[in-house]
Amino acid sequence: MTRGVQQLVLEVERVRDSFHHAVFTVPDVDEAMRAISADCVLLHLPMGTGASSRDGLRRYLATDVLPHLPAALSFRRVARTVDRWRVAEEAMVGFTHDRELPWLLPDVAPTHRRAEVLAISVVTVQRARITAHRTLWDHAGLCEQLHIDPSAVATTNNKARASR
């Protein structure tokens, strides 16, 4: 690997980590916004929550995510792969479901149970800005640990079908 490619890989990792820190550690919308591109797409699957564009993402973070971060939120990295354009990471995410989580479990009241589930994120970076951030959650495992019927959890797809 050339020195130039090594520097790109480190920059991609730094940008992803700064966004994660701004959202889940600080939490600070303005700091998070400094890491994204104008056309960034953020998506949580299978719920289908997220946003696209700077304005949409700012609104989503400020309204649905940051005020609704659960207590005792923790991340434990299982694996990470980085190349010149993206970071793919598997992490165990633990938290206490002590409040509504519109970004993760839309329309589900707090169960006050502890959960720890696998989340796989792929973050794409171009010109030192995140252009795409997709996270796939172990939805079935999460619902089982929280004693929630998976079919009762509102997803964007379920809402679209219901409105037809």
C-alpha atoms as a PDB file:
ATOM      1  CA  MET A   1       0.000   0.000   0.000  1.00  0.00           C
ATOM      2  CA  THR A   2       1.418   3.370  -0.943  1.00  0.00           C
ATOM      3  CA  ARG A   3       1.818   6.187   1.563  1.00  0.00           C
ATOM      4  CA  GLY A   4      -0.892   8.166  -0.263  1.00  0.00           C
ATOM      5  CA  VAL A   5      -3.385   5.309   0.042  1.00  0.00           C
ATOM      6  CA  GLN A   6      -2.487   4.880   3.717  1.00  0.00           C
ATOM      7  CA  GLN A   7      -3.277   8.549   4.295  1.00  0.00           C
ATOM      8  CA  LEU A   8      -6.644   8.188   2.521  1.00  0.00           C
ATOM      9  CA  VAL A   9      -7.535   5.169   4.656  1.00  0.00           C
ATOM     10  CA  LEU A  10      -6.661   7.051   7.848  1.00  0.00           C
ATOM     11  CA  GLU A  11      -8.700  10.072   6.713  1.00  0.00           C
ATOM     12  CA  VAL A  12     -11.759   7.923   5.926  1.00  0.00           C
ATOM     13  CA  GLU A  13     -11.536   6.350   9.387  1.00  0.00           C
ATOM     14  CA  ARG A  14     -11.051   9.745  11.080  1.00  0.00           C
ATOM     15  CA  VAL A  15     -14.115  11.243   9.342  1.00  0.00           C
ATOM     16  CA  ARG A  16     -16.326   8.284  10.287  1.00  0.00           C
ATOM     17  CA  ASP A  17     -15.106   8.338  13.890  1.00  0.00           C
ATOM     18  CA  SER A  18     -15.613  12.103  14.243  1.00  0.00           C
ATOM     19  CA  PHE A  19     -19.236  11.768  13.097  1.00  0.00           C
ATOM     20  CA  HIS A  20     -19.857   8.856  15.480  1.00  0.00           C
ATOM     21  CA  HIS A  21     -18.317  10.844  18.352  1.00  0.00           C
ATOM     22  CA  ALA A  22     -20.436  13.909  17.524  1.00  0.00           C
ATOM     23  CA  VAL A  23     -23.674  11.913  17.462  1.00  0.00           C
ATOM     24  CA  PHE A  24     -23.234   9.342  20.226  1.00  0.00           C
ATOM     25  CA  THR A  25     -20.667  10.799  22.626  1.00  0.00           C
ATOM     26  CA  VAL A  26     -20.966  14.593  22.690  1.00  0.00           C
ATOM     27  CA  PRO A  27     -23.936  14.799  21.263  1.00  0.00           C
ATOM     28  CA  ASP A  28     -23.572  17.844  19.002  1.00  0.00           C
ATOM     29  CA  VAL A  29     -25.526  18.401  15.767  1.00  0.00           C
ATOM     30  CA  ASP A  30     -23.183  21.118  14.496  1.00  0.00           C
ATOM     31  CA  GLU A  31     -20.124  18.926  15.015  1.00  0.00           C
ATOM     32  CA  ALA A  32     -21.856  16.019  13.261  1.00  0.00           C
ATOM     33  CA  MET A  33     -22.818  18.249  10.327  1.00  0.00           C
ATOM     34  CA  ARG A  34     -19.173  19.199   9.754  1.00  0.00           C
ATOM     35  CA  ALA A  35     -18.468  15.572   8.789  1.00  0.00           C
ATOM     36  CA  ILE A  36     -21.155  15.148   6.111  1.00  0.00           C
ATOM     37  CA  SER A  37     -21.491  16.121   2.465  1.00  0.00           C
ATOM     38  CA  ALA A  38     -24.344  18.208   1.074  1.00  0.00           C
ATOM     39  CA  ASP A  39     -26.001  15.110  -0.413  1.00  0.00           C
ATOM     40  CA  CYS A  40     -25.370  12.676   2.450  1.00  0.00           C
ATOM     41  CA  VAL A  41     -27.817   9.804   2.952  1.00  0.00           C
ATOM     42  CA  LEU A  42     -28.175   8.204   6.392  1.00  0.00           C
ATOM     43  CA  LEU A  43     -30.329   5.094   6.740  1.00  0.00           C
ATOM     44  CA  HIS A  44     -31.145   2.636   9.558  1.00  0.00           C
ATOM     45  CA  LEU A  45     -32.344  -0.743   8.309  1.00  0.00           C
ATOM     46  CA  PRO A  46     -34.712  -2.542   8.511  1.00  0.00           C
ATOM     47  CA  MET A  47     -36.685   0.344  10.073  1.00  0.00           C
ATOM     48  CA  GLY A  48     -36.086   2.634   7.129  1.00  0.00           C
ATOM     49  CA  THR A  49     -35.492   5.667   9.335  1.00  0.00           C
ATOM     50  CA  GLY A  50     -32.965   8.299   8.371  1.00  0.00           C
ATOM     51  CA  ALA A  51     -32.618  11.301   6.116  1.00  0.00           C
ATOM     52  CA  SER A  52     -30.997  12.650   2.991  1.00  0.00           C
ATOM     53  CA  SER A  53     -29.564  16.117   2.327  1.00  0.00           C
ATOM     54  CA  ARG A  54     -27.931  18.413   4.859  1.00  0.00           C
ATOM     55  CA  ASP A  55     -31.212  20.007   5.967  1.00  0.00           C
ATOM     56  CA  GLY A  56     -32.973  16.664   6.286  1.00  0.00           C
ATOM     57  CA  LEU A  57     -30.106  15.129   8.213  1.00  0.00           C
ATOM     58  CA  ARG A  58     -29.800  18.123  10.547  1.00  0.00           C
ATOM     59  CA  ARG A  59     -33.534  17.914  11.312  1.00  0.00           C
ATOM     60  CA  TYR A  60     -33.388  14.116  11.763  1.00  0.00           C
ATOM     61  CA  LEU A  61     -30.427  14.264  14.161  1.00  0.00           C
ATOM     62  CA  ALA A  62     -31.832  17.217  16.143  1.00  0.00           C
ATOM     63  CA  THR A  63     -35.362  15.808  16.384  1.00  0.00           C
ATOM     64  CA  ASP A  64     -35.247  12.012  16.235  1.00  0.00           C
ATOM     65  CA  VAL A  65     -31.766  10.972  17.369  1.00  0.00           C
ATOM     66  CA  LEU A  66     -29.892  13.228  19.784  1.00  0.00           C
ATOM     67  CA  PRO A  67     -32.770  13.946  22.209  1.00  0.00           C
ATOM     68  CA  HIS A  68     -33.588  10.220  22.201  1.00  0.00           C
ATOM     69  CA  LEU A  69     -30.260   8.553  22.930  1.00  0.00           C
ATOM     70  CA  PRO A  70     -30.818   5.758  25.455  1.00  0.00           C
ATOM     71  CA  ALA A  71     -29.146   5.453  28.843  1.00  0.00           C
ATOM     72  CA  ALA A  72     -25.980   3.419  29.191  1.00  0.00           C
ATOM     73  CA  LEU A  73     -25.415   3.440  25.416  1.00  0.00           C
ATOM     74  CA  SER A  74     -22.248   1.518  24.570  1.00  0.00           C
ATOM     75  CA  PHE A  75     -20.449   0.324  21.462  1.00  0.00           C
ATOM     76  CA  ARG A  76     -18.026  -2.600  21.351  1.00  0.00           C
ATOM     77  CA  ARG A  77     -16.272  -3.097  18.024  1.00  0.00           C
ATOM     78  CA  VAL A  78     -16.287  -6.650  16.718  1.00  0.00           C
ATOM     79  CA  ALA A  79     -14.576  -6.022  13.380  1.00  0.00           C
ATOM     80  CA  ARG A  80     -13.636  -3.122  11.124  1.00  0.00           C
ATOM     81  CA  THR A  81     -12.475  -2.973   7.530  1.00  0.00           C
ATOM     82  CA  VAL A  82     -11.333   0.282   5.942  1.00  0.00           C
ATOM     83  CA  ASP A  83     -10.386   1.126   2.382  1.00  0.00           C
ATOM     84  CA  ARG A  84      -9.916   4.384   0.476  1.00  0.00           C
ATOM     85  CA  TRP A  85     -13.662   5.113   0.327  1.00  0.00           C
ATOM     86  CA  ARG A  86     -15.467   3.414   3.181  1.00  0.00           C
ATOM     87  CA  VAL A  87     -15.477   1.936   6.655  1.00  0.00           C
ATOM     88  CA  ALA A  88     -17.409  -1.287   7.275  1.00  0.00           C
ATOM     89  CA  GLU A  89     -17.824  -2.002  10.965  1.00  0.00           C
ATOM     90  CA  GLU A  90     -19.549  -4.649  13.045  1.00  0.00           C
ATOM     91  CA  ALA A  91     -20.287  -3.544  16.592  1.00  0.00           C
ATOM     92  CA  MET A  92     -22.243  -4.802  19.554  1.00  0.00           C
ATOM     93  CA  VAL A  93     -24.468  -1.955  20.685  1.00  0.00           C
ATOM     94  CA  GLY A  94     -25.828  -2.062  24.225  1.00  0.00           C
ATOM     95  CA  PHE A  95     -28.346   0.205  25.923  1.00  0.00           C
ATOM     96  CA  THR A  96     -31.275   0.410  28.316  1.00  0.00           C
ATOM     97  CA  HIS A  97     -34.557   1.051  26.511  1.00  0.00           C
ATOM     98  CA  ASP A  98     -35.562   3.857  28.891  1.00  0.00           C
ATOM     99  CA  ARG A  99     -37.147   6.243  26.369  1.00  0.00           C
ATOM    100  CA  GLU A 100     -38.742   6.279  22.943  1.00  0.00           C
ATOM    101  CA  LEU A 101     -36.215   5.714  20.175  1.00  0.00           C
ATOM    102  CA  PRO A 102     -37.809   7.082  16.980  1.00  0.00           C
ATOM    103  CA  TRP A 103     -34.588   6.491  15.053  1.00  0.00           C
ATOM    104  CA  LEU A 104     -34.346   2.808  16.039  1.00  0.00           C
ATOM    105  CA  LEU A 105     -37.767   1.613  17.245  1.00  0.00           C
ATOM    106  CA  PRO A 106     -40.373   4.055  15.893  1.00  0.00           C
ATOM    107  CA  ASP A 107     -43.618   4.239  17.893  1.00  0.00           C
ATOM    108  CA  VAL A 108     -42.445   1.779  20.585  1.00  0.00           C
ATOM    109  CA  ALA A 109     -42.886   2.800  24.222  1.00  0.00           C
ATOM    110  CA  PRO A 110     -39.904   2.247  26.563  1.00  0.00           C
ATOM    111  CA  THR A 111     -39.654  -1.280  27.955  1.00  0.00           C
ATOM    112  CA  HIS A 112     -36.948  -0.405  30.520  1.00  0.00           C
ATOM    113  CA  ARG A 113     -35.087  -3.557  29.505  1.00  0.00           C
ATOM    114  CA  ARG A 114     -31.417  -3.861  28.599  1.00  0.00           C
ATOM    115  CA  ALA A 115     -30.456  -4.986  25.099  1.00  0.00           C
ATOM    116  CA  GLU A 116     -27.221  -5.719  23.281  1.00  0.00           C
ATOM    117  CA  VAL A 117     -27.385  -6.349  19.534  1.00  0.00           C
ATOM    118  CA  LEU A 118     -25.191  -6.473  16.486  1.00  0.00           C
ATOM    119  CA  ALA A 119     -25.165  -3.464  14.163  1.00  0.00           C
ATOM    120  CA  ILE A 120     -23.284  -3.397  10.876  1.00  0.00           C
ATOM    121  CA  SER A 121     -22.467   0.020   9.444  1.00  0.00           C
ATOM    122  CA  VAL A 122     -21.032   0.972   6.087  1.00  0.00           C
ATOM    123  CA  VAL A 123     -19.895   4.582   5.855  1.00  0.00           C
ATOM    124  CA  THR A 124     -18.774   6.016   2.514  1.00  0.00           C
ATOM    125  CA  VAL A 125     -16.447   9.031   2.499  1.00  0.00           C
ATOM    126  CA  GLN A 126     -15.475  11.282  -0.399  1.00  0.00           C
ATOM    127  CA  ARG A 127     -13.329  14.409  -0.137  1.00  0.00           C
ATOM    128  CA  ALA A 128     -13.220  14.117   3.682  1.00  0.00           C
ATOM    129  CA  ARG A 129     -17.043  14.144   4.002  1.00  0.00           C
ATOM    130  CA  ILE A 130     -19.521  11.322   4.608  1.00  0.00           C
ATOM    131  CA  THR A 131     -21.729  10.746   1.558  1.00  0.00           C
ATOM    132  CA  ALA A 132     -23.571   7.653   2.823  1.00  0.00           C
ATOM    133  CA  HIS A 133     -24.056   6.042   6.229  1.00  0.00           C
ATOM    134  CA  ARG A 134     -26.092   2.840   6.347  1.00  0.00           C
ATOM    135  CA  THR A 135     -26.587   0.726   9.457  1.00  0.00           C
ATOM    136  CA  LEU A 136     -28.241  -2.682   9.544  1.00  0.00           C
ATOM    137  CA  TRP A 137     -29.516  -3.632  12.997  1.00  0.00           C
ATOM    138  CA  ASP A 138     -30.301  -7.128  14.300  1.00  0.00           C
ATOM    139  CA  HIS A 139     -33.953  -6.181  14.515  1.00  0.00           C
ATOM    140  CA  ALA A 140     -35.230  -9.647  15.469  1.00  0.00           C
ATOM    141  CA  GLY A 141     -32.652  -9.962  18.265  1.00  0.00           C
ATOM    142  CA  LEU A 142     -33.456  -6.468  19.510  1.00  0.00           C
ATOM    143  CA  CYS A 143     -37.189  -7.125  19.600  1.00  0.00           C
ATOM    144  CA  GLU A 144     -36.669 -10.456  21.351  1.00  0.00           C
ATOM    145  CA  GLN A 145     -34.499  -8.920  24.081  1.00  0.00           C
ATOM    146  CA  LEU A 146     -36.980  -6.089  24.641  1.00  0.00           C
ATOM    147  CA  HIS A 147     -40.008  -8.437  24.512  1.00  0.00           C
ATOM    148  CA  ILE A 148     -41.506  -6.579  21.543  1.00  0.00           C
ATOM    149  CA  ASP A 149     -43.463  -8.189  18.694  1.00  0.00           C
ATOM    150  CA  PRO A 150     -41.348  -7.389  15.589  1.00  0.00           C
ATOM    151  CA  SER A 151     -44.443  -7.031  13.429  1.00  0.00           C
ATOM    152  CA  ALA A 152     -45.729  -4.295  15.761  1.00  0.00           C
ATOM    153  CA  VAL A 153     -42.709  -2.054  15.182  1.00  0.00           C
ATOM    154  CA  ALA A 154     -43.494   0.697  12.701  1.00  0.00           C
ATOM    155  CA  THR A 155     -41.121   0.796   9.768  1.00  0.00           C
ATOM    156  CA  THR A 156     -41.186   3.135   6.819  1.00  0.00           C
ATOM    157  CA  ASN A 157     -42.224   0.171   4.667  1.00  0.00           C
ATOM    158  CA  ASN A 158     -45.091  -0.792   7.012  1.00  0.00           C
ATOM    159  CA  LYS A 159     -46.344   2.816   7.084  1.00  0.00           C
ATOM    160  CA  ALA A 160     -46.248   3.021   3.278  1.00  0.00           C
ATOM    161  CA  ARG A 161     -48.230  -0.232   2.954  1.00  0.00           C
ATOM    162  CA  ALA A 162     -50.790   0.935   5.529  1.00  0.00           C
ATOM    163  CA  SER A 163     -51.417   4.193   3.682  1.00  0.00           C
ATOM    164  CA  ARG A 164     -52.272   2.423   0.384  1.00  0.00           C
END
